[in-house]
Amino acid sequence: MNIATAKDLTKCYNALCAVDKINFEITKGECFGFLGPNGAGKTTVMSIIYCFMPPTSSEVKVFDTDVTKDPGNIKARLGVMPQENNLDPDLTGRSLKG
């Protein structure tokens, strides 16, 4: 079973094509990484895999589920640890109940 697959993955922002027709398969148990210089599209690809943004065109599947058709199912099964702290400073860890 493939954990993630992409066929001709493309993501464009108006005239800028950040990711241009890349293909990959990540199989269960495989260690896989994206390497490249700043601006190469690594973060964009990861954002598409964990359903943060849709691809412009392609077929991207995670756990055999299309990222554009059932993102909730995919997000429920993935763990994402961002590089930067993205916590809302206005929120606390205290419960407001009772």
N, C-alpha and C. Protein backbone atom coordinates (compact mmCIF):
# COMPACT_ATOMS: atom_id res chain seq x y z
N MET A 1 0.84 -1.19 0.00
CA MET A 1 0.00 0.00 0.00
C MET A 1 0.88 1.24 0.00
N ASN A 2 0.55 2.20 -0.84
CA ASN A 2 1.25 3.48 -0.83
C ASN A 2 0.63 4.40 0.21
N ILE A 3 1.48 5.06 0.95
CA ILE A 3 1.01 6.05 1.93
C ILE A 3 0.61 7.33 1.20
N ALA A 4 1.41 7.75 0.23
CA ALA A 4 1.11 8.96 -0.55
C ALA A 4 1.60 8.76 -1.98
N THR A 5 0.82 9.26 -2.92
CA THR A 5 1.22 9.23 -4.32
C THR A 5 0.83 10.55 -4.98
N ALA A 6 1.62 10.93 -5.94
CA ALA A 6 1.31 12.13 -6.74
C ALA A 6 1.66 11.82 -8.19
N LYS A 7 0.75 12.19 -9.07
CA LYS A 7 0.97 12.01 -10.50
C LYS A 7 0.84 13.38 -11.16
N ASP A 8 1.95 13.87 -11.69
CA ASP A 8 2.00 15.18 -12.35
C ASP A 8 1.49 16.30 -11.44
N LEU A 9 1.91 16.27 -10.18
CA LEU A 9 1.48 17.29 -9.21
C LEU A 9 1.95 18.67 -9.64
N THR A 10 0.99 19.58 -9.74
CA THR A 10 1.25 20.95 -10.15
C THR A 10 0.52 21.90 -9.22
N LYS A 11 1.23 22.94 -8.80
CA LYS A 11 0.61 24.01 -8.01
C LYS A 11 1.12 25.34 -8.56
N CYS A 12 0.20 26.15 -9.06
CA CYS A 12 0.54 27.46 -9.61
C CYS A 12 -0.19 28.55 -8.86
N TYR A 13 0.47 29.67 -8.73
CA TYR A 13 -0.11 30.89 -8.17
C TYR A 13 -0.06 31.93 -9.27
N ASN A 14 -1.18 32.11 -9.95
CA ASN A 14 -1.23 32.98 -11.12
C ASN A 14 -0.16 32.55 -12.13
N ALA A 15 0.82 33.40 -12.42
CA ALA A 15 1.84 33.06 -13.41
C ALA A 15 2.99 32.24 -12.83
N LEU A 16 3.11 32.18 -11.51
CA LEU A 16 4.21 31.45 -10.86
C LEU A 16 3.81 30.00 -10.65
N CYS A 17 4.59 29.09 -11.21
CA CYS A 17 4.36 27.67 -11.02
C CYS A 17 5.35 27.17 -9.96
N ALA A 18 4.86 26.98 -8.73
CA ALA A 18 5.72 26.60 -7.61
C ALA A 18 6.12 25.13 -7.68
N VAL A 19 5.23 24.29 -8.17
CA VAL A 19 5.48 22.85 -8.33
C VAL A 19 5.02 22.49 -9.73
N ASP A 20 5.90 21.88 -10.51
CA ASP A 20 5.60 21.64 -11.92
C ASP A 20 5.68 20.16 -12.28
N LYS A 21 4.56 19.47 -12.23
CA LYS A 21 4.41 18.09 -12.68
C LYS A 21 5.39 17.12 -12.04
N ILE A 22 5.40 17.05 -10.71
CA ILE A 22 6.27 16.08 -10.05
C ILE A 22 5.48 14.80 -9.77
N ASN A 23 6.21 13.71 -9.70
CA ASN A 23 5.63 12.40 -9.43
C ASN A 23 6.40 11.74 -8.30
N PHE A 24 5.67 11.08 -7.40
CA PHE A 24 6.33 10.30 -6.36
C PHE A 24 5.36 9.30 -5.77
N GLU A 25 5.93 8.28 -5.13
CA GLU A 25 5.19 7.30 -4.36
C GLU A 25 5.93 7.09 -3.06
N ILE A 26 5.21 7.13 -1.97
CA ILE A 26 5.79 6.85 -0.66
C ILE A 26 5.10 5.59 -0.16
N THR A 27 5.86 4.52 0.02
CA THR A 27 5.27 3.26 0.44
C THR A 27 5.36 3.09 1.95
N LYS A 28 4.49 2.27 2.48
CA LYS A 28 4.46 2.00 3.92
C LYS A 28 5.83 1.52 4.39
N GLY A 29 6.33 2.11 5.46
CA GLY A 29 7.62 1.73 6.03
C GLY A 29 8.81 2.44 5.42
N GLU A 30 8.59 3.22 4.39
CA GLU A 30 9.68 3.92 3.70
C GLU A 30 9.94 5.27 4.36
N CYS A 31 11.22 5.64 4.45
CA CYS A 31 11.60 6.97 4.91
C CYS A 31 11.82 7.82 3.66
N PHE A 32 11.10 8.92 3.57
CA PHE A 32 11.08 9.72 2.34
C PHE A 32 11.26 11.18 2.72
N GLY A 33 12.07 11.90 1.96
CA GLY A 33 12.28 13.32 2.24
C GLY A 33 12.30 14.14 0.97
N PHE A 34 11.98 15.41 1.12
CA PHE A 34 12.06 16.36 0.02
C PHE A 34 13.26 17.25 0.28
N LEU A 35 14.20 17.28 -0.64
CA LEU A 35 15.39 18.10 -0.51
C LEU A 35 15.42 19.10 -1.66
N GLY A 36 15.92 20.29 -1.37
CA GLY A 36 16.05 21.29 -2.41
C GLY A 36 16.26 22.66 -1.81
N PRO A 37 16.66 23.61 -2.62
CA PRO A 37 16.90 24.96 -2.13
C PRO A 37 15.60 25.67 -1.74
N ASN A 38 15.74 26.78 -1.05
CA ASN A 38 14.57 27.60 -0.72
C ASN A 38 13.85 27.96 -2.01
N GLY A 39 12.52 27.88 -1.98
CA GLY A 39 11.73 28.21 -3.15
C GLY A 39 11.53 27.06 -4.12
N ALA A 40 12.01 25.86 -3.77
CA ALA A 40 11.89 24.72 -4.68
C ALA A 40 10.51 24.07 -4.68
N GLY A 41 9.67 24.39 -3.69
CA GLY A 41 8.32 23.84 -3.63
C GLY A 41 8.10 22.78 -2.59
N LYS A 42 9.08 22.55 -1.71
CA LYS A 42 8.97 21.50 -0.70
C LYS A 42 7.79 21.74 0.25
N THR A 43 7.67 22.93 0.77
CA THR A 43 6.58 23.25 1.69
C THR A 43 5.24 23.21 0.98
N THR A 44 5.21 23.63 -0.26
CA THR A 44 3.97 23.57 -1.03
C THR A 44 3.51 22.13 -1.20
N VAL A 45 4.43 21.23 -1.53
CA VAL A 45 4.07 19.82 -1.68
C VAL A 45 3.55 19.25 -0.36
N MET A 46 4.23 19.54 0.73
CA MET A 46 3.78 19.04 2.03
C MET A 46 2.42 19.61 2.40
N SER A 47 2.17 20.86 2.08
CA SER A 47 0.87 21.48 2.36
C SER A 47 -0.25 20.81 1.57
N ILE A 48 0.05 20.35 0.39
CA ILE A 48 -0.94 19.62 -0.41
C ILE A 48 -1.16 18.23 0.17
N ILE A 49 -0.09 17.56 0.59
CA ILE A 49 -0.22 16.22 1.17
C ILE A 49 -1.08 16.25 2.42
N TYR A 50 -0.88 17.24 3.29
CA TYR A 50 -1.71 17.25 4.51
C TYR A 50 -2.94 18.13 4.37
N CYS A 51 -3.36 18.35 3.12
CA CYS A 51 -4.66 18.95 2.80
C CYS A 51 -4.82 20.38 3.29
N PHE A 52 -3.73 21.11 3.38
CA PHE A 52 -3.81 22.52 3.76
C PHE A 52 -4.17 23.38 2.56
N MET A 53 -3.76 22.93 1.37
CA MET A 53 -4.11 23.64 0.14
C MET A 53 -4.31 22.63 -0.98
N PRO A 54 -5.18 22.93 -1.93
CA PRO A 54 -5.42 21.99 -3.03
C PRO A 54 -4.37 22.14 -4.13
N PRO A 55 -4.13 21.07 -4.87
CA PRO A 55 -3.24 21.19 -6.03
C PRO A 55 -3.96 21.94 -7.15
N THR A 56 -3.20 22.56 -8.03
CA THR A 56 -3.80 23.18 -9.21
C THR A 56 -4.30 22.09 -10.14
N SER A 57 -3.48 21.08 -10.34
CA SER A 57 -3.89 19.92 -11.11
C SER A 57 -3.06 18.74 -10.68
N SER A 58 -3.61 17.54 -10.83
CA SER A 58 -2.93 16.28 -10.57
C SER A 58 -3.85 15.37 -9.80
N GLU A 59 -3.34 14.20 -9.54
CA GLU A 59 -4.00 13.27 -8.64
C GLU A 59 -3.05 13.04 -7.49
N VAL A 60 -3.45 13.46 -6.30
CA VAL A 60 -2.66 13.24 -5.09
C VAL A 60 -3.52 12.44 -4.13
N LYS A 61 -2.97 11.31 -3.69
CA LYS A 61 -3.69 10.48 -2.75
C LYS A 61 -2.83 10.22 -1.52
N VAL A 62 -3.49 10.21 -0.37
CA VAL A 62 -2.85 9.85 0.89
C VAL A 62 -3.74 8.75 1.48
N PHE A 63 -3.14 7.61 1.83
CA PHE A 63 -3.90 6.44 2.30
C PHE A 63 -5.00 6.08 1.30
N ASP A 64 -4.68 6.12 0.01
CA ASP A 64 -5.61 5.81 -1.08
C ASP A 64 -6.84 6.72 -1.10
N THR A 65 -6.74 7.89 -0.51
CA THR A 65 -7.83 8.86 -0.50
C THR A 65 -7.38 10.12 -1.21
N ASP A 66 -8.18 10.60 -2.14
CA ASP A 66 -7.86 11.82 -2.88
C ASP A 66 -7.89 13.02 -1.92
N VAL A 67 -6.84 13.84 -1.96
CA VAL A 67 -6.73 14.97 -1.02
C VAL A 67 -7.82 16.01 -1.23
N THR A 68 -8.42 16.05 -2.42
CA THR A 68 -9.47 17.04 -2.67
C THR A 68 -10.86 16.51 -2.33
N LYS A 69 -11.01 15.20 -2.15
CA LYS A 69 -12.33 14.62 -1.95
C LYS A 69 -12.66 14.31 -0.50
N ASP A 70 -11.66 13.94 0.31
CA ASP A 70 -11.94 13.60 1.71
C ASP A 70 -10.79 14.05 2.61
N PRO A 71 -10.53 15.37 2.67
CA PRO A 71 -9.41 15.85 3.47
C PRO A 71 -9.57 15.55 4.97
N GLY A 72 -10.80 15.52 5.46
CA GLY A 72 -11.02 15.24 6.89
C GLY A 72 -10.51 13.87 7.29
N ASN A 73 -10.72 12.87 6.46
CA ASN A 73 -10.25 11.52 6.73
C ASN A 73 -8.72 11.48 6.76
N ILE A 74 -8.09 12.19 5.84
CA ILE A 74 -6.63 12.23 5.78
C ILE A 74 -6.07 12.95 7.00
N LYS A 75 -6.61 14.12 7.32
CA LYS A 75 -6.11 14.89 8.46
C LYS A 75 -6.25 14.13 9.77
N ALA A 76 -7.30 13.32 9.88
CA ALA A 76 -7.51 12.54 11.10
C ALA A 76 -6.43 11.48 11.30
N ARG A 77 -5.76 11.10 10.22
CA ARG A 77 -4.75 10.04 10.29
C ARG A 77 -3.31 10.54 10.26
N LEU A 78 -3.11 11.82 9.95
CA LEU A 78 -1.76 12.38 9.85
C LEU A 78 -1.40 13.19 11.09
N GLY A 79 -0.14 13.20 11.41
CA GLY A 79 0.38 14.11 12.43
C GLY A 79 1.33 15.07 11.75
N VAL A 80 1.15 16.36 11.98
CA VAL A 80 1.99 17.37 11.34
C VAL A 80 2.63 18.22 12.43
N MET A 81 3.93 18.37 12.36
CA MET A 81 4.67 19.21 13.30
C MET A 81 5.32 20.34 12.52
N PRO A 82 4.75 21.56 12.58
CA PRO A 82 5.33 22.67 11.82
C PRO A 82 6.69 23.07 12.39
N GLN A 83 7.50 23.64 11.54
CA GLN A 83 8.83 24.08 11.96
C GLN A 83 8.73 25.26 12.91
N GLU A 84 7.83 26.16 12.64
CA GLU A 84 7.68 27.36 13.46
C GLU A 84 6.53 27.20 14.45
N ASN A 85 6.59 27.91 15.55
CA ASN A 85 5.50 27.94 16.52
C ASN A 85 4.32 28.65 15.87
N ASN A 86 3.19 27.97 15.78
CA ASN A 86 2.02 28.59 15.17
C ASN A 86 0.84 28.66 16.14
N LEU A 87 1.14 28.70 17.42
CA LEU A 87 0.09 28.79 18.43
C LEU A 87 -0.47 30.21 18.49
N ASP A 88 -1.75 30.31 18.75
CA ASP A 88 -2.41 31.60 18.88
C ASP A 88 -2.08 32.17 20.26
N PRO A 89 -1.42 33.32 20.35
CA PRO A 89 -1.02 33.86 21.65
C PRO A 89 -2.21 34.29 22.52
N ASP A 90 -3.39 34.42 21.91
CA ASP A 90 -4.58 34.81 22.69
C ASP A 90 -5.25 33.62 23.37
N LEU A 91 -4.84 32.41 23.04
CA LEU A 91 -5.44 31.22 23.64
C LEU A 91 -4.58 30.69 24.78
N THR A 92 -5.24 30.16 25.78
CA THR A 92 -4.50 29.56 26.91
C THR A 92 -4.76 28.07 26.93
N GLY A 93 -4.10 27.38 27.79
CA GLY A 93 -4.33 25.95 27.97
C GLY A 93 -5.40 25.66 28.98
N ARG A 94 -5.98 26.70 29.57
CA ARG A 94 -7.02 26.50 30.60
C ARG A 94 -8.36 26.19 29.95
N SER A 95 -9.11 25.32 30.60
CA SER A 95 -10.46 25.02 30.16
C SER A 95 -11.40 26.08 30.70
N LEU A 96 -12.31 26.55 29.85
CA LEU A 96 -13.29 27.55 30.29
C LEU A 96 -14.55 26.90 30.84
N LYS A 97 -14.63 25.59 30.79
CA LYS A 97 -15.80 24.88 31.31
C LYS A 97 -15.70 24.71 32.82
N GLY A 98 -16.85 24.87 33.49
CA GLY A 98 -17.02 24.58 34.91
C GLY A 98 -15.99 25.12 35.77
